[in-house]
Amino acid sequence: MTADEWLAAFAATAGVEPPTAGEIATLLDLAGHAAHASERTAAPITCWIAATAGLSPGDALALAESLTPSRD
């Protein structure tokens, strides 16, 4: 099963639409910020916190960026 197939099946079973390609890119960036700012395990938990808080992927990424130093 591909990632897209998994996400579509999981979303359908959960009763929601799967994320768009842009949302997926933003969520992966969010997870990257969390993982690089602390430990890899922070990535999925950060995404869960964002969802529980009702944050959009963009708002969650902005929050993460405000907490992490620039990776440039």
PDB file of N, CA and C in Angstrom:
ATOM      1  N   MET A   1       0.845  -1.167   0.000  1.00  0.00           N
ATOM      2  CA  MET A   1       0.000   0.000   0.000  1.00  0.00           C
ATOM      3  C   MET A   1       0.901   1.244   0.000  1.00  0.00           C
ATOM      4  N   THR A   2       0.578   2.181  -0.861  1.00  0.00           N
ATOM      5  CA  THR A   2       1.355   3.416  -0.911  1.00  0.00           C
ATOM      6  C   THR A   2       0.916   4.346   0.219  1.00  0.00           C
ATOM      7  N   ALA A   3       1.707   5.383   0.449  1.00  0.00           N
ATOM      8  CA  ALA A   3       1.343   6.369   1.471  1.00  0.00           C
ATOM      9  C   ALA A   3       0.014   7.028   1.127  1.00  0.00           C
ATOM     10  N   ASP A   4      -0.178   7.377  -0.136  1.00  0.00           N
ATOM     11  CA  ASP A   4      -1.434   8.005  -0.543  1.00  0.00           C
ATOM     12  C   ASP A   4      -2.623   7.077  -0.307  1.00  0.00           C
ATOM     13  N   GLU A   5      -2.445   5.804  -0.606  1.00  0.00           N
ATOM     14  CA  GLU A   5      -3.519   4.831  -0.377  1.00  0.00           C
ATOM     15  C   GLU A   5      -3.811   4.690   1.122  1.00  0.00           C
ATOM     16  N   TRP A   6      -2.762   4.620   1.922  1.00  0.00           N
ATOM     17  CA  TRP A   6      -2.930   4.513   3.371  1.00  0.00           C
ATOM     18  C   TRP A   6      -3.673   5.725   3.919  1.00  0.00           C
ATOM     19  N   LEU A   7      -3.228   6.918   3.527  1.00  0.00           N
ATOM     20  CA  LEU A   7      -3.861   8.139   4.025  1.00  0.00           C
ATOM     21  C   LEU A   7      -5.317   8.224   3.601  1.00  0.00           C
ATOM     22  N   ALA A   8      -5.619   7.847   2.368  1.00  0.00           N
ATOM     23  CA  ALA A   8      -7.001   7.868   1.890  1.00  0.00           C
ATOM     24  C   ALA A   8      -7.861   6.891   2.679  1.00  0.00           C
ATOM     25  N   ALA A   9      -7.344   5.690   2.910  1.00  0.00           N
ATOM     26  CA  ALA A   9      -8.104   4.680   3.653  1.00  0.00           C
ATOM     27  C   ALA A   9      -8.287   5.096   5.113  1.00  0.00           C
ATOM     28  N   PHE A  10      -7.240   5.607   5.729  1.00  0.00           N
ATOM     29  CA  PHE A  10      -7.314   6.023   7.128  1.00  0.00           C
ATOM     30  C   PHE A  10      -8.296   7.185   7.273  1.00  0.00           C
ATOM     31  N   ALA A  11      -8.187   8.166   6.379  1.00  0.00           N
ATOM     32  CA  ALA A  11      -9.087   9.322   6.427  1.00  0.00           C
ATOM     33  C   ALA A  11     -10.539   8.900   6.217  1.00  0.00           C
ATOM     34  N   ALA A  12     -10.783   8.038   5.259  1.00  0.00           N
ATOM     35  CA  ALA A  12     -12.148   7.578   5.000  1.00  0.00           C
ATOM     36  C   ALA A  12     -12.718   6.855   6.207  1.00  0.00           C
ATOM     37  N   THR A  13     -11.917   6.015   6.829  1.00  0.00           N
ATOM     38  CA  THR A  13     -12.366   5.284   8.004  1.00  0.00           C
ATOM     39  C   THR A  13     -12.612   6.228   9.171  1.00  0.00           C
ATOM     40  N   ALA A  14     -11.821   7.293   9.252  1.00  0.00           N
ATOM     41  CA  ALA A  14     -11.989   8.291  10.320  1.00  0.00           C
ATOM     42  C   ALA A  14     -13.114   9.273  10.014  1.00  0.00           C
ATOM     43  N   GLY A  15     -13.624   9.232   8.795  1.00  0.00           N
ATOM     44  CA  GLY A  15     -14.729  10.103   8.427  1.00  0.00           C
ATOM     45  C   GLY A  15     -14.321  11.518   8.051  1.00  0.00           C
ATOM     46  N   VAL A  16     -13.089  11.678   7.563  1.00  0.00           N
ATOM     47  CA  VAL A  16     -12.600  12.997   7.142  1.00  0.00           C
ATOM     48  C   VAL A  16     -11.969  12.871   5.758  1.00  0.00           C
ATOM     49  N   GLU A  17     -11.730  14.024   5.145  1.00  0.00           N
ATOM     50  CA  GLU A  17     -11.023  14.055   3.864  1.00  0.00           C
ATOM     51  C   GLU A  17      -9.530  13.877   4.117  1.00  0.00           C
ATOM     52  N   PRO A  18      -8.820  13.211   3.222  1.00  0.00           N
ATOM     53  CA  PRO A  18      -7.368  13.120   3.382  1.00  0.00           C
ATOM     54  C   PRO A  18      -6.736  14.489   3.149  1.00  0.00           C
ATOM     55  N   PRO A  19      -5.547  14.708   3.671  1.00  0.00           N
ATOM     56  CA  PRO A  19      -4.886  15.991   3.455  1.00  0.00           C
ATOM     57  C   PRO A  19      -4.531  16.180   1.982  1.00  0.00           C
ATOM     58  N   THR A  20      -4.515  17.438   1.569  1.00  0.00           N
ATOM     59  CA  THR A  20      -4.090  17.767   0.214  1.00  0.00           C
ATOM     60  C   THR A  20      -2.577  17.611   0.109  1.00  0.00           C
ATOM     61  N   ALA A  21      -2.078  17.675  -1.100  1.00  0.00           N
ATOM     62  CA  ALA A  21      -0.624  17.584  -1.293  1.00  0.00           C
ATOM     63  C   ALA A  21       0.079  18.730  -0.565  1.00  0.00           C
ATOM     64  N   GLY A  22      -0.504  19.916  -0.600  1.00  0.00           N
ATOM     65  CA  GLY A  22       0.089  21.054   0.099  1.00  0.00           C
ATOM     66  C   GLY A  22       0.073  20.870   1.603  1.00  0.00           C
ATOM     67  N   GLU A  23      -1.032  20.326   2.125  1.00  0.00           N
ATOM     68  CA  GLU A  23      -1.110  20.066   3.568  1.00  0.00           C
ATOM     69  C   GLU A  23      -0.103  19.009   3.989  1.00  0.00           C
ATOM     70  N   ILE A  24       0.076  18.005   3.147  1.00  0.00           N
ATOM     71  CA  ILE A  24       1.062  16.964   3.454  1.00  0.00           C
ATOM     72  C   ILE A  24       2.455  17.568   3.522  1.00  0.00           C
ATOM     73  N   ALA A  25       2.792  18.422   2.573  1.00  0.00           N
ATOM     74  CA  ALA A  25       4.109  19.062   2.574  1.00  0.00           C
ATOM     75  C   ALA A  25       4.299  19.898   3.840  1.00  0.00           C
ATOM     76  N   THR A  26       3.257  20.623   4.240  1.00  0.00           N
ATOM     77  CA  THR A  26       3.339  21.448   5.443  1.00  0.00           C
ATOM     78  C   THR A  26       3.480  20.585   6.687  1.00  0.00           C
ATOM     79  N   LEU A  27       2.719  19.495   6.751  1.00  0.00           N
ATOM     80  CA  LEU A  27       2.808  18.599   7.906  1.00  0.00           C
ATOM     81  C   LEU A  27       4.190  17.950   7.997  1.00  0.00           C
ATOM     82  N   LEU A  28       4.753  17.586   6.862  1.00  0.00           N
ATOM     83  CA  LEU A  28       6.104  17.013   6.880  1.00  0.00           C
ATOM     84  C   LEU A  28       7.128  18.042   7.331  1.00  0.00           C
ATOM     85  N   ASP A  29       6.932  19.296   6.929  1.00  0.00           N
ATOM     86  CA  ASP A  29       7.822  20.360   7.388  1.00  0.00           C
ATOM     87  C   ASP A  29       7.667  20.558   8.898  1.00  0.00           C
ATOM     88  N   LEU A  30       6.424  20.534   9.385  1.00  0.00           N
ATOM     89  CA  LEU A  30       6.160  20.628  10.824  1.00  0.00           C
ATOM     90  C   LEU A  30       6.871  19.506  11.568  1.00  0.00           C
ATOM     91  N   ALA A  31       6.707  18.288  11.085  1.00  0.00           N
ATOM     92  CA  ALA A  31       7.361  17.146  11.730  1.00  0.00           C
ATOM     93  C   ALA A  31       8.879  17.298  11.710  1.00  0.00           C
ATOM     94  N   GLY A  32       9.411  17.817  10.608  1.00  0.00           N
ATOM     95  CA  GLY A  32      10.852  18.041  10.517  1.00  0.00           C
ATOM     96  C   GLY A  32      11.344  19.049  11.535  1.00  0.00           C
ATOM     97  N   HIS A  33      10.588  20.127  11.714  1.00  0.00           N
ATOM     98  CA  HIS A  33      10.976  21.121  12.718  1.00  0.00           C
ATOM     99  C   HIS A  33      11.004  20.485  14.108  1.00  0.00           C
ATOM    100  N   ALA A  34       9.967  19.723  14.426  1.00  0.00           N
ATOM    101  CA  ALA A  34       9.899  19.091  15.748  1.00  0.00           C
ATOM    102  C   ALA A  34      11.042  18.103  15.949  1.00  0.00           C
ATOM    103  N   ALA A  35      11.312  17.300  14.942  1.00  0.00           N
ATOM    104  CA  ALA A  35      12.356  16.280  15.054  1.00  0.00           C
ATOM    105  C   ALA A  35      13.746  16.888  15.173  1.00  0.00           C
ATOM    106  N   HIS A  36      13.991  17.964  14.436  1.00  0.00           N
ATOM    107  CA  HIS A  36      15.318  18.572  14.467  1.00  0.00           C
ATOM    108  C   HIS A  36      15.518  19.478  15.671  1.00  0.00           C
ATOM    109  N   ALA A  37      14.429  19.967  16.250  1.00  0.00           N
ATOM    110  CA  ALA A  37      14.548  20.837  17.425  1.00  0.00           C
ATOM    111  C   ALA A  37      14.757  20.036  18.704  1.00  0.00           C
ATOM    112  N   SER A  38      14.378  18.764  18.681  1.00  0.00           N
ATOM    113  CA  SER A  38      14.515  17.955  19.890  1.00  0.00           C
ATOM    114  C   SER A  38      14.908  16.532  19.511  1.00  0.00           C
ATOM    115  N   GLU A  39      13.953  15.635  19.526  1.00  0.00           N
ATOM    116  CA  GLU A  39      14.192  14.236  19.181  1.00  0.00           C
ATOM    117  C   GLU A  39      13.185  13.814  18.120  1.00  0.00           C
ATOM    118  N   ARG A  40      13.513  12.785  17.367  1.00  0.00           N
ATOM    119  CA  ARG A  40      12.625  12.312  16.297  1.00  0.00           C
ATOM    120  C   ARG A  40      11.228  11.984  16.804  1.00  0.00           C
ATOM    121  N   THR A  41      11.144  11.465  18.015  1.00  0.00           N
ATOM    122  CA  THR A  41       9.834  11.079  18.544  1.00  0.00           C
ATOM    123  C   THR A  41       8.908  12.272  18.752  1.00  0.00           C
ATOM    124  N   ALA A  42       9.468  13.479  18.773  1.00  0.00           N
ATOM    125  CA  ALA A  42       8.631  14.666  18.935  1.00  0.00           C
ATOM    126  C   ALA A  42       7.794  14.942  17.690  1.00  0.00           C
ATOM    127  N   ALA A  43       8.203  14.440  16.535  1.00  0.00           N
ATOM    128  CA  ALA A  43       7.514  14.741  15.281  1.00  0.00           C
ATOM    129  C   ALA A  43       6.055  14.284  15.262  1.00  0.00           C
ATOM    130  N   PRO A  44       5.770  13.003  15.483  1.00  0.00           N
ATOM    131  CA  PRO A  44       4.364  12.607  15.429  1.00  0.00           C
ATOM    132  C   PRO A  44       3.538  13.188  16.575  1.00  0.00           C
ATOM    133  N   ILE A  45       4.154  13.354  17.725  1.00  0.00           N
ATOM    134  CA  ILE A  45       3.419  13.898  18.869  1.00  0.00           C
ATOM    135  C   ILE A  45       3.099  15.369  18.639  1.00  0.00           C
ATOM    136  N   THR A  46       4.004  16.102  17.997  1.00  0.00           N
ATOM    137  CA  THR A  46       3.734  17.502  17.665  1.00  0.00           C
ATOM    138  C   THR A  46       2.548  17.595  16.715  1.00  0.00           C
ATOM    139  N   CYS A  47       2.490  16.724  15.731  1.00  0.00           N
ATOM    140  CA  CYS A  47       1.353  16.722  14.804  1.00  0.00           C
ATOM    141  C   CYS A  47       0.060  16.386  15.543  1.00  0.00           C
ATOM    142  N   TRP A  48       0.115  15.455  16.482  1.00  0.00           N
ATOM    143  CA  TRP A  48      -1.075  15.118  17.274  1.00  0.00           C
ATOM    144  C   TRP A  48      -1.520  16.318  18.109  1.00  0.00           C
ATOM    145  N   ILE A  49      -0.571  16.997  18.755  1.00  0.00           N
ATOM    146  CA  ILE A  49      -0.905  18.174  19.561  1.00  0.00           C
ATOM    147  C   ILE A  49      -1.559  19.234  18.687  1.00  0.00           C
ATOM    148  N   ALA A  50      -0.990  19.465  17.515  1.00  0.00           N
ATOM    149  CA  ALA A  50      -1.555  20.462  16.605  1.00  0.00           C
ATOM    150  C   ALA A  50      -2.996  20.108  16.239  1.00  0.00           C
ATOM    151  N   ALA A  51      -3.240  18.854  15.929  1.00  0.00           N
ATOM    152  CA  ALA A  51      -4.596  18.424  15.569  1.00  0.00           C
ATOM    153  C   ALA A  51      -5.536  18.547  16.755  1.00  0.00           C
ATOM    154  N   THR A  52      -5.079  18.138  17.920  1.00  0.00           N
ATOM    155  CA  THR A  52      -5.903  18.223  19.129  1.00  0.00           C
ATOM    156  C   THR A  52      -6.239  19.673  19.460  1.00  0.00           C
ATOM    157  N   ALA A  53      -5.289  20.574  19.198  1.00  0.00           N
ATOM    158  CA  ALA A  53      -5.503  21.997  19.449  1.00  0.00           C
ATOM    159  C   ALA A  53      -6.359  22.651  18.367  1.00  0.00           C
ATOM    160  N   GLY A  54      -6.639  21.922  17.305  1.00  0.00           N
ATOM    161  CA  GLY A  54      -7.446  22.464  16.226  1.00  0.00           C
ATOM    162  C   GLY A  54      -6.695  23.402  15.308  1.00  0.00           C
ATOM    163  N   LEU A  55      -5.358  23.306  15.306  1.00  0.00           N
ATOM    164  CA  LEU A  55      -4.544  24.163  14.459  1.00  0.00           C
ATOM    165  C   LEU A  55      -4.526  23.639  13.022  1.00  0.00           C
ATOM    166  N   SER A  56      -4.571  24.542  12.071  1.00  0.00           N
ATOM    167  CA  SER A  56      -4.372  24.136  10.684  1.00  0.00           C
ATOM    168  C   SER A  56      -2.911  23.750  10.516  1.00  0.00           C
ATOM    169  N   PRO A  57      -2.578  22.990   9.482  1.00  0.00           N
ATOM    170  CA  PRO A  57      -1.172  22.675   9.270  1.00  0.00           C
ATOM    171  C   PRO A  57      -0.299  23.929   9.173  1.00  0.00           C
ATOM    172  N   GLY A  58      -0.778  24.945   8.489  1.00  0.00           N
ATOM    173  CA  GLY A  58      -0.009  26.182   8.353  1.00  0.00           C
ATOM    174  C   GLY A  58       0.203  26.892   9.676  1.00  0.00           C
ATOM    175  N   ASP A  59      -0.851  26.962  10.489  1.00  0.00           N
ATOM    176  CA  ASP A  59      -0.723  27.599  11.802  1.00  0.00           C
ATOM    177  C   ASP A  59       0.206  26.801  12.708  1.00  0.00           C
ATOM    178  N   ALA A  60       0.116  25.481  12.628  1.00  0.00           N
ATOM    179  CA  ALA A  60       0.997  24.639  13.442  1.00  0.00           C
ATOM    180  C   ALA A  60       2.452  24.819  13.021  1.00  0.00           C
ATOM    181  N   LEU A  61       2.696  24.900  11.716  1.00  0.00           N
ATOM    182  CA  LEU A  61       4.060  25.109  11.236  1.00  0.00           C
ATOM    183  C   LEU A  61       4.586  26.465  11.691  1.00  0.00           C
ATOM    184  N   ALA A  62       3.757  27.490  11.609  1.00  0.00           N
ATOM    185  CA  ALA A  62       4.181  28.822  12.058  1.00  0.00           C
ATOM    186  C   ALA A  62       4.547  28.801  13.538  1.00  0.00           C
ATOM    187  N   LEU A  63       3.752  28.094  14.341  1.00  0.00           N
ATOM    188  CA  LEU A  63       4.045  27.981  15.764  1.00  0.00           C
ATOM    189  C   LEU A  63       5.376  27.263  15.979  1.00  0.00           C
ATOM    190  N   ALA A  64       5.580  26.164  15.258  1.00  0.00           N
ATOM    191  CA  ALA A  64       6.838  25.420  15.387  1.00  0.00           C
ATOM    192  C   ALA A  64       8.024  26.275  14.961  1.00  0.00           C
ATOM    193  N   GLU A  65       7.859  27.019  13.891  1.00  0.00           N
ATOM    194  CA  GLU A  65       8.950  27.878  13.423  1.00  0.00           C
ATOM    195  C   GLU A  65       9.281  28.954  14.453  1.00  0.00           C
ATOM    196  N   SER A  66       8.282  29.410  15.192  1.00  0.00           N
ATOM    197  CA  SER A  66       8.541  30.423  16.208  1.00  0.00           C
ATOM    198  C   SER A  66       9.296  29.853  17.410  1.00  0.00           C
ATOM    199  N   LEU A  67       9.271  28.546  17.566  1.00  0.00           N
ATOM    200  CA  LEU A  67       9.927  27.901  18.698  1.00  0.00           C
ATOM    201  C   LEU A  67      11.303  27.335  18.358  1.00  0.00           C
ATOM    202  N   THR A  68      11.589  27.214  17.072  1.00  0.00           N
ATOM    203  CA  THR A  68      12.839  26.580  16.669  1.00  0.00           C
ATOM    204  C   THR A  68      13.754  27.579  15.976  1.00  0.00           C
ATOM    205  N   PRO A  69      15.043  27.431  16.193  1.00  0.00           N
ATOM    206  CA  PRO A  69      15.992  28.303  15.493  1.00  0.00           C
ATOM    207  C   PRO A  69      16.011  27.981  14.009  1.00  0.00           C
ATOM    208  N   SER A  70      16.421  28.905  13.212  1.00  0.00           N
ATOM    209  CA  SER A  70      16.516  28.719  11.774  1.00  0.00           C
ATOM    210  C   SER A  70      17.487  27.582  11.469  1.00  0.00           C
ATOM    211  N   ARG A  71      17.147  26.755  10.491  1.00  0.00           N
ATOM    212  CA  ARG A  71      18.015  25.643  10.093  1.00  0.00           C
ATOM    213  C   ARG A  71      18.899  26.023   8.925  1.00  0.00           C
ATOM    214  N   ASP A  72      18.986  27.290   8.602  1.00  0.00           N
ATOM    215  CA  ASP A  72      19.803  27.746   7.468  1.00  0.00           C
ATOM    216  C   ASP A  72      21.268  27.684   7.781  1.00  0.00           C
TER     217      ASP A  72
END
